[in-house]
Amino acid sequence: MDDFETLLKKYEHVDKEGQVDQGDEELTFTSMGDQEEFVRIPKERIAVLIGKKGKTKREIEERTGTKIEVDSETGEVFITATEKTEDPLAVWKARDVVLAIGRGFSPERAFRLFNEGEILEVVNLPDIVVGNEKNALPRVRGRIIGRKGRTREIIEEMSGADVSVYGKTVAIIGNPIQVEVARTAIEKLARGSPHGVVYRYLERRKKDLELESSSYYEALEGHLNELEEE
């Protein structure tokens, strides 16, 4: 395993059972041989995924060379490769964009995932919320969002990642280092750390982010160049 793949694996989000966590209300199925993906997103996000006159769905299809079929009744989305699919990761990229929209991101913000090296991670809040009282989850959501959304904005500004709080999940888009910093801040808030402590953590990590992100993108560029030469 080369350095790039090791770095990606290090930041891959898995749950306590060692399985990739897709968050609540979502289900994915992959057929490696046929390059197909099956995803279920909340039904109230279907209209956003499709877009006005099908614009959003069509743009995802055009940018990835895939075909997307949406069941508006169930929220099921089928993504398949076509003869226009050139990127071997295209189906996965389309899947992640669909999932991001399903987790509350606007299409414009979800399209960040089309950039090389950007990933999506979904944090399932019930897995980390401290306290069993009825209002524990709404309280934690409020702590992450902050007054008029300011805490979420600070996490985004300091980490460089995009963050969406939706339902029982928090979705994060960025490079693996940015995602790791944002996820840590979110987990600290969910477990009861004072906002000031979290802000100080973000301030400390911000100083390292630019250098670490630069190293990541250099490793990514080198990896892509190696693939092109093969």
C-alpha atoms as a PDB file:
ATOM      1  CA  MET A   1       0.000   0.000   0.000  1.00  0.00           C
ATOM      2  CA  ASP A   2       1.542   3.316  -1.038  1.00  0.00           C
ATOM      3  CA  ASP A   3       1.626   6.496   1.055  1.00  0.00           C
ATOM      4  CA  PHE A   4      -1.436   7.967  -0.634  1.00  0.00           C
ATOM      5  CA  GLU A   5      -3.608   4.907  -0.037  1.00  0.00           C
ATOM      6  CA  THR A   6      -2.344   4.678   3.532  1.00  0.00           C
ATOM      7  CA  LEU A   7      -3.358   8.301   4.119  1.00  0.00           C
ATOM      8  CA  LEU A   8      -6.825   7.699   2.710  1.00  0.00           C
ATOM      9  CA  LYS A   9      -7.294   4.592   4.839  1.00  0.00           C
ATOM     10  CA  LYS A  10      -6.188   6.471   7.946  1.00  0.00           C
ATOM     11  CA  TYR A  11      -8.996   8.965   7.552  1.00  0.00           C
ATOM     12  CA  GLU A  12     -11.708   6.529   6.417  1.00  0.00           C
ATOM     13  CA  HIS A  13     -14.657   6.706   8.817  1.00  0.00           C
ATOM     14  CA  VAL A  14     -15.791   3.380  10.252  1.00  0.00           C
ATOM     15  CA  ASP A  15     -18.220   2.566  13.012  1.00  0.00           C
ATOM     16  CA  LYS A  16     -17.615   0.502  16.137  1.00  0.00           C
ATOM     17  CA  GLU A  17     -18.151  -2.721  14.188  1.00  0.00           C
ATOM     18  CA  GLY A  18     -15.559  -1.758  11.588  1.00  0.00           C
ATOM     19  CA  GLN A  19     -18.136  -0.967   8.898  1.00  0.00           C
ATOM     20  CA  VAL A  20     -18.334   2.252   6.901  1.00  0.00           C
ATOM     21  CA  ASP A  21     -20.953   4.483   8.512  1.00  0.00           C
ATOM     22  CA  GLN A  22     -23.386   5.996   6.003  1.00  0.00           C
ATOM     23  CA  GLY A  23     -25.554   7.768   8.601  1.00  0.00           C
ATOM     24  CA  ASP A  24     -29.272   7.382   9.297  1.00  0.00           C
ATOM     25  CA  GLU A  25     -31.872   6.775   6.612  1.00  0.00           C
ATOM     26  CA  GLU A  26     -29.301   5.783   4.038  1.00  0.00           C
ATOM     27  CA  LEU A  27     -28.448   2.491   2.406  1.00  0.00           C
ATOM     28  CA  THR A  28     -25.860   1.762  -0.261  1.00  0.00           C
ATOM     29  CA  PHE A  29     -25.159  -1.245  -2.403  1.00  0.00           C
ATOM     30  CA  THR A  30     -22.227  -1.673  -4.757  1.00  0.00           C
ATOM     31  CA  SER A  31     -21.800  -4.106  -7.625  1.00  0.00           C
ATOM     32  CA  MET A  32     -18.113  -3.916  -8.461  1.00  0.00           C
ATOM     33  CA  GLY A  33     -18.323  -5.883 -11.686  1.00  0.00           C
ATOM     34  CA  ASP A  34     -21.153  -3.899 -13.243  1.00  0.00           C
ATOM     35  CA  GLN A  35     -20.185  -0.533 -11.735  1.00  0.00           C
ATOM     36  CA  GLU A  36     -23.542   0.063 -10.124  1.00  0.00           C
ATOM     37  CA  GLU A  37     -24.510   1.823  -6.913  1.00  0.00           C
ATOM     38  CA  PHE A  38     -27.796   1.736  -5.039  1.00  0.00           C
ATOM     39  CA  VAL A  39     -28.401   4.538  -2.524  1.00  0.00           C
ATOM     40  CA  ARG A  40     -31.382   5.510  -0.390  1.00  0.00           C
ATOM     41  CA  ILE A  41     -31.731   9.126   0.727  1.00  0.00           C
ATOM     42  CA  PRO A  42     -34.496  10.943   2.647  1.00  0.00           C
ATOM     43  CA  LYS A  43     -37.530  11.451   0.428  1.00  0.00           C
ATOM     44  CA  GLU A  44     -37.679  15.165   1.239  1.00  0.00           C
ATOM     45  CA  ARG A  45     -34.275  15.568  -0.454  1.00  0.00           C
ATOM     46  CA  ILE A  46     -35.329  13.964  -3.738  1.00  0.00           C
ATOM     47  CA  ALA A  47     -36.579  17.241  -5.233  1.00  0.00           C
ATOM     48  CA  VAL A  48     -33.211  18.870  -4.444  1.00  0.00           C
ATOM     49  CA  LEU A  49     -31.347  15.984  -6.062  1.00  0.00           C
ATOM     50  CA  ILE A  50     -33.424  16.167  -9.220  1.00  0.00           C
ATOM     51  CA  GLY A  51     -33.413  19.955  -9.393  1.00  0.00           C
ATOM     52  CA  LYS A  52     -35.589  22.291 -11.429  1.00  0.00           C
ATOM     53  CA  LYS A  53     -36.557  20.497 -14.641  1.00  0.00           C
ATOM     54  CA  GLY A  54     -34.028  17.776 -13.782  1.00  0.00           C
ATOM     55  CA  LYS A  55     -31.058  20.156 -13.961  1.00  0.00           C
ATOM     56  CA  THR A  56     -29.128  18.873 -10.926  1.00  0.00           C
ATOM     57  CA  LYS A  57     -29.486  15.189 -11.740  1.00  0.00           C
ATOM     58  CA  ARG A  58     -28.545  15.868 -15.351  1.00  0.00           C
ATOM     59  CA  GLU A  59     -25.420  17.774 -14.339  1.00  0.00           C
ATOM     60  CA  ILE A  60     -24.244  14.918 -12.113  1.00  0.00           C
ATOM     61  CA  GLU A  61     -24.800  12.499 -14.983  1.00  0.00           C
ATOM     62  CA  GLU A  62     -22.942  14.694 -17.471  1.00  0.00           C
ATOM     63  CA  ARG A  63     -19.975  15.324 -15.170  1.00  0.00           C
ATOM     64  CA  THR A  64     -19.537  11.646 -14.337  1.00  0.00           C
ATOM     65  CA  GLY A  65     -20.797   9.960 -17.508  1.00  0.00           C
ATOM     66  CA  THR A  66     -23.231   7.924 -15.421  1.00  0.00           C
ATOM     67  CA  LYS A  67     -26.955   7.261 -15.514  1.00  0.00           C
ATOM     68  CA  ILE A  68     -29.041   8.098 -12.441  1.00  0.00           C
ATOM     69  CA  GLU A  69     -32.541   6.749 -11.818  1.00  0.00           C
ATOM     70  CA  VAL A  70     -34.572   8.118  -8.914  1.00  0.00           C
ATOM     71  CA  ASP A  71     -37.621   6.563  -7.262  1.00  0.00           C
ATOM     72  CA  SER A  72     -39.472   9.545  -5.839  1.00  0.00           C
ATOM     73  CA  GLU A  73     -41.733   7.329  -3.734  1.00  0.00           C
ATOM     74  CA  THR A  74     -39.020   5.498  -1.814  1.00  0.00           C
ATOM     75  CA  GLY A  75     -35.973   7.762  -2.064  1.00  0.00           C
ATOM     76  CA  GLU A  76     -34.019   5.002  -3.800  1.00  0.00           C
ATOM     77  CA  VAL A  77     -31.393   6.125  -6.292  1.00  0.00           C
ATOM     78  CA  PHE A  78     -29.697   3.829  -8.812  1.00  0.00           C
ATOM     79  CA  ILE A  79     -26.392   4.931 -10.339  1.00  0.00           C
ATOM     80  CA  THR A  80     -24.831   2.984 -13.211  1.00  0.00           C
ATOM     81  CA  ALA A  81     -21.890   3.367 -15.556  1.00  0.00           C
ATOM     82  CA  THR A  82     -22.568   3.984 -19.253  1.00  0.00           C
ATOM     83  CA  GLU A  83     -20.563   3.943 -22.455  1.00  0.00           C
ATOM     84  CA  LYS A  84     -19.686   7.570 -21.638  1.00  0.00           C
ATOM     85  CA  THR A  85     -18.092   6.671 -18.293  1.00  0.00           C
ATOM     86  CA  GLU A  86     -14.336   7.286 -18.522  1.00  0.00           C
ATOM     87  CA  ASP A  87     -13.241   7.728 -14.897  1.00  0.00           C
ATOM     88  CA  PRO A  88     -13.150   4.351 -13.094  1.00  0.00           C
ATOM     89  CA  LEU A  89     -14.244   6.198  -9.929  1.00  0.00           C
ATOM     90  CA  ALA A  90     -17.095   8.054 -11.638  1.00  0.00           C
ATOM     91  CA  VAL A  91     -19.887   5.924 -10.202  1.00  0.00           C
ATOM     92  CA  TRP A  92     -18.499   6.352  -6.683  1.00  0.00           C
ATOM     93  CA  LYS A  93     -18.143  10.108  -7.166  1.00  0.00           C
ATOM     94  CA  ALA A  94     -21.750  10.345  -8.346  1.00  0.00           C
ATOM     95  CA  ARG A  95     -22.827   8.246  -5.354  1.00  0.00           C
ATOM     96  CA  ASP A  96     -21.056  10.548  -2.894  1.00  0.00           C
ATOM     97  CA  VAL A  97     -22.579  13.656  -4.483  1.00  0.00           C
ATOM     98  CA  VAL A  98     -26.033  12.054  -4.204  1.00  0.00           C
ATOM     99  CA  LEU A  99     -25.386  11.119  -0.571  1.00  0.00           C
ATOM    100  CA  ALA A 100     -24.133  14.635   0.215  1.00  0.00           C
ATOM    101  CA  ILE A 101     -27.291  16.182  -1.196  1.00  0.00           C
ATOM    102  CA  GLY A 102     -29.292  13.636   0.784  1.00  0.00           C
ATOM    103  CA  ARG A 103     -27.488  14.747   3.948  1.00  0.00           C
ATOM    104  CA  GLY A 104     -28.529  18.380   3.504  1.00  0.00           C
ATOM    105  CA  PHE A 105     -25.852  19.930   1.285  1.00  0.00           C
ATOM    106  CA  SER A 106     -26.923  22.178  -1.551  1.00  0.00           C
ATOM    107  CA  PRO A 107     -25.954  20.804  -4.987  1.00  0.00           C
ATOM    108  CA  GLU A 108     -23.369  23.575  -5.354  1.00  0.00           C
ATOM    109  CA  ARG A 109     -21.617  22.553  -2.155  1.00  0.00           C
ATOM    110  CA  ALA A 110     -21.972  18.835  -2.885  1.00  0.00           C
ATOM    111  CA  PHE A 111     -20.286  19.354  -6.272  1.00  0.00           C
ATOM    112  CA  ARG A 112     -17.052  20.020  -4.373  1.00  0.00           C
ATOM    113  CA  LEU A 113     -16.761  16.239  -4.350  1.00  0.00           C
ATOM    114  CA  PHE A 114     -16.007  16.304  -8.072  1.00  0.00           C
ATOM    115  CA  ASN A 115     -12.596  17.766  -7.217  1.00  0.00           C
ATOM    116  CA  GLU A 116      -9.760  15.266  -6.878  1.00  0.00           C
ATOM    117  CA  GLY A 117      -8.896  14.380  -3.310  1.00  0.00           C
ATOM    118  CA  GLU A 118     -12.171  15.572  -1.754  1.00  0.00           C
ATOM    119  CA  ILE A 119     -14.149  13.084   0.326  1.00  0.00           C
ATOM    120  CA  LEU A 120     -17.486  12.812   2.110  1.00  0.00           C
ATOM    121  CA  GLU A 121     -17.794  11.626   5.695  1.00  0.00           C
ATOM    122  CA  VAL A 122     -21.051  11.200   7.602  1.00  0.00           C
ATOM    123  CA  VAL A 123     -21.010  11.262  11.411  1.00  0.00           C
ATOM    124  CA  ASN A 124     -23.939   9.489  13.062  1.00  0.00           C
ATOM    125  CA  LEU A 125     -24.693  11.604  16.131  1.00  0.00           C
ATOM    126  CA  PRO A 126     -26.481   8.912  18.197  1.00  0.00           C
ATOM    127  CA  ASP A 127     -23.200   6.967  18.196  1.00  0.00           C
ATOM    128  CA  ILE A 128     -21.371   9.708  20.074  1.00  0.00           C
ATOM    129  CA  VAL A 129     -23.998  11.749  21.936  1.00  0.00           C
ATOM    130  CA  VAL A 130     -23.451  11.720  25.707  1.00  0.00           C
ATOM    131  CA  GLY A 131     -26.685  11.329  27.686  1.00  0.00           C
ATOM    132  CA  ASN A 132     -29.878   9.374  27.177  1.00  0.00           C
ATOM    133  CA  GLU A 133     -32.368  12.097  27.974  1.00  0.00           C
ATOM    134  CA  LYS A 134     -35.061  12.840  25.414  1.00  0.00           C
ATOM    135  CA  ASN A 135     -33.576  16.192  24.382  1.00  0.00           C
ATOM    136  CA  ALA A 136     -29.956  15.006  24.140  1.00  0.00           C
ATOM    137  CA  LEU A 137     -29.859  14.905  20.332  1.00  0.00           C
ATOM    138  CA  PRO A 138     -31.567  18.282  19.738  1.00  0.00           C
ATOM    139  CA  ARG A 139     -29.264  19.808  22.350  1.00  0.00           C
ATOM    140  CA  VAL A 140     -26.171  18.450  20.612  1.00  0.00           C
ATOM    141  CA  ARG A 141     -27.423  19.591  17.215  1.00  0.00           C
ATOM    142  CA  GLY A 142     -27.881  23.053  18.684  1.00  0.00           C
ATOM    143  CA  ARG A 143     -24.344  23.046  20.113  1.00  0.00           C
ATOM    144  CA  ILE A 144     -22.878  22.115  16.717  1.00  0.00           C
ATOM    145  CA  ILE A 145     -24.934  24.642  14.770  1.00  0.00           C
ATOM    146  CA  GLY A 146     -24.567  27.432  17.329  1.00  0.00           C
ATOM    147  CA  ARG A 147     -26.465  30.690  17.621  1.00  0.00           C
ATOM    148  CA  LYS A 148     -27.588  31.721  14.123  1.00  0.00           C
ATOM    149  CA  GLY A 149     -25.331  28.990  12.725  1.00  0.00           C
ATOM    150  CA  ARG A 150     -22.150  30.640  13.971  1.00  0.00           C
ATOM    151  CA  THR A 151     -20.490  27.533  15.463  1.00  0.00           C
ATOM    152  CA  ARG A 152     -20.902  25.573  12.249  1.00  0.00           C
ATOM    153  CA  GLU A 153     -19.480  28.518  10.336  1.00  0.00           C
ATOM    154  CA  ILE A 154     -16.445  28.677  12.636  1.00  0.00           C
ATOM    155  CA  ILE A 155     -15.782  24.959  12.144  1.00  0.00           C
ATOM    156  CA  GLU A 156     -15.927  25.491   8.380  1.00  0.00           C
ATOM    157  CA  GLU A 157     -13.739  28.595   8.438  1.00  0.00           C
ATOM    158  CA  MET A 158     -11.070  27.038  10.656  1.00  0.00           C
ATOM    159  CA  SER A 159     -10.972  23.571   9.081  1.00  0.00           C
ATOM    160  CA  GLY A 160     -11.623  24.427   5.433  1.00  0.00           C
ATOM    161  CA  ALA A 161     -14.285  21.707   5.278  1.00  0.00           C
ATOM    162  CA  ASP A 162     -17.981  22.134   4.467  1.00  0.00           C
ATOM    163  CA  VAL A 163     -20.389  20.944   7.165  1.00  0.00           C
ATOM    164  CA  SER A 164     -24.087  20.048   7.030  1.00  0.00           C
ATOM    165  CA  VAL A 165     -26.141  19.210  10.137  1.00  0.00           C
ATOM    166  CA  TYR A 166     -29.181  17.226   9.018  1.00  0.00           C
ATOM    167  CA  GLY A 167     -31.423  14.908  11.002  1.00  0.00           C
ATOM    168  CA  LYS A 168     -29.304  12.615  13.167  1.00  0.00           C
ATOM    169  CA  THR A 169     -26.140  13.175  11.148  1.00  0.00           C
ATOM    170  CA  VAL A 170     -23.419  15.684  10.451  1.00  0.00           C
ATOM    171  CA  ALA A 171     -21.914  15.408   6.960  1.00  0.00           C
ATOM    172  CA  ILE A 172     -18.468  16.786   6.147  1.00  0.00           C
ATOM    173  CA  ILE A 173     -16.825  17.485   2.762  1.00  0.00           C
ATOM    174  CA  GLY A 174     -13.148  18.302   2.342  1.00  0.00           C
ATOM    175  CA  ASN A 175      -9.773  16.693   1.925  1.00  0.00           C
ATOM    176  CA  PRO A 176      -9.018  13.963   4.516  1.00  0.00           C
ATOM    177  CA  ILE A 177      -7.064  16.302   6.793  1.00  0.00           C
ATOM    178  CA  GLN A 178      -9.783  18.959   6.777  1.00  0.00           C
ATOM    179  CA  VAL A 179     -12.429  16.315   7.408  1.00  0.00           C
ATOM    180  CA  GLU A 180     -10.461  14.871  10.317  1.00  0.00           C
ATOM    181  CA  VAL A 181     -10.169  18.284  11.994  1.00  0.00           C
ATOM    182  CA  ALA A 182     -13.853  19.135  11.478  1.00  0.00           C
ATOM    183  CA  ARG A 183     -14.962  15.694  12.667  1.00  0.00           C
ATOM    184  CA  THR A 184     -12.863  15.974  15.830  1.00  0.00           C
ATOM    185  CA  ALA A 185     -14.377  19.372  16.630  1.00  0.00           C
ATOM    186  CA  ILE A 186     -17.881  18.004  16.078  1.00  0.00           C
ATOM    187  CA  GLU A 187     -17.234  14.957  18.252  1.00  0.00           C
ATOM    188  CA  LYS A 188     -15.830  17.158  21.039  1.00  0.00           C
ATOM    189  CA  LEU A 189     -18.983  19.297  20.996  1.00  0.00           C
ATOM    190  CA  ALA A 190     -21.224  16.223  20.917  1.00  0.00           C
ATOM    191  CA  ARG A 191     -19.446  14.828  23.972  1.00  0.00           C
ATOM    192  CA  GLY A 192     -19.883  18.024  25.950  1.00  0.00           C
ATOM    193  CA  SER A 193     -16.638  19.958  25.500  1.00  0.00           C
ATOM    194  CA  PRO A 194     -17.110  23.733  26.014  1.00  0.00           C
ATOM    195  CA  HIS A 195     -17.201  25.783  22.844  1.00  0.00           C
ATOM    196  CA  GLY A 196     -14.098  27.699  23.921  1.00  0.00           C
ATOM    197  CA  VAL A 197     -12.096  24.487  24.206  1.00  0.00           C
ATOM    198  CA  VAL A 198     -13.201  23.410  20.738  1.00  0.00           C
ATOM    199  CA  TYR A 199     -12.398  26.806  19.235  1.00  0.00           C
ATOM    200  CA  ARG A 200      -8.911  26.675  20.732  1.00  0.00           C
ATOM    201  CA  TYR A 201      -8.422  23.210  19.255  1.00  0.00           C
ATOM    202  CA  LEU A 202      -9.445  24.527  15.832  1.00  0.00           C
ATOM    203  CA  GLU A 203      -7.093  27.483  16.190  1.00  0.00           C
ATOM    204  CA  ARG A 204      -4.160  25.195  16.975  1.00  0.00           C
ATOM    205  CA  ARG A 205      -4.933  22.831  14.107  1.00  0.00           C
ATOM    206  CA  LYS A 206      -5.460  25.664  11.638  1.00  0.00           C
ATOM    207  CA  LYS A 207      -1.759  26.474  11.848  1.00  0.00           C
ATOM    208  CA  ASP A 208      -0.896  22.981  10.639  1.00  0.00           C
ATOM    209  CA  LEU A 209      -3.703  22.507   8.118  1.00  0.00           C
ATOM    210  CA  GLU A 210      -2.146  24.415   5.236  1.00  0.00           C
ATOM    211  CA  LEU A 211       1.101  22.442   5.420  1.00  0.00           C
ATOM    212  CA  GLU A 212      -0.637  19.085   5.902  1.00  0.00           C
ATOM    213  CA  SER A 213      -3.116  19.756   3.100  1.00  0.00           C
ATOM    214  CA  SER A 214      -0.274  20.785   0.786  1.00  0.00           C
ATOM    215  CA  SER A 215       1.516  17.499   1.515  1.00  0.00           C
ATOM    216  CA  TYR A 216      -1.705  15.589   0.880  1.00  0.00           C
ATOM    217  CA  TYR A 217      -2.316  17.194  -2.501  1.00  0.00           C
ATOM    218  CA  GLU A 218       1.308  16.632  -3.493  1.00  0.00           C
ATOM    219  CA  ALA A 219       0.929  12.943  -2.632  1.00  0.00           C
ATOM    220  CA  LEU A 220      -2.335  12.852  -4.564  1.00  0.00           C
ATOM    221  CA  GLU A 221      -0.778  14.491  -7.630  1.00  0.00           C
ATOM    222  CA  GLY A 222       2.120  12.046  -7.533  1.00  0.00           C
ATOM    223  CA  HIS A 223      -0.263   9.110  -7.244  1.00  0.00           C
ATOM    224  CA  LEU A 224      -2.329  10.325 -10.217  1.00  0.00           C
ATOM    225  CA  ASN A 225       0.819  10.850 -12.303  1.00  0.00           C
ATOM    226  CA  GLU A 226       1.912   7.292 -11.552  1.00  0.00           C
ATOM    227  CA  LEU A 227      -1.458   5.981 -12.698  1.00  0.00           C
ATOM    228  CA  GLU A 228      -1.211   7.932 -15.950  1.00  0.00           C
ATOM    229  CA  GLU A 229       2.236   6.484 -16.650  1.00  0.00           C
ATOM    230  CA  GLU A 230       1.095   2.894 -16.154  1.00  0.00           C
END
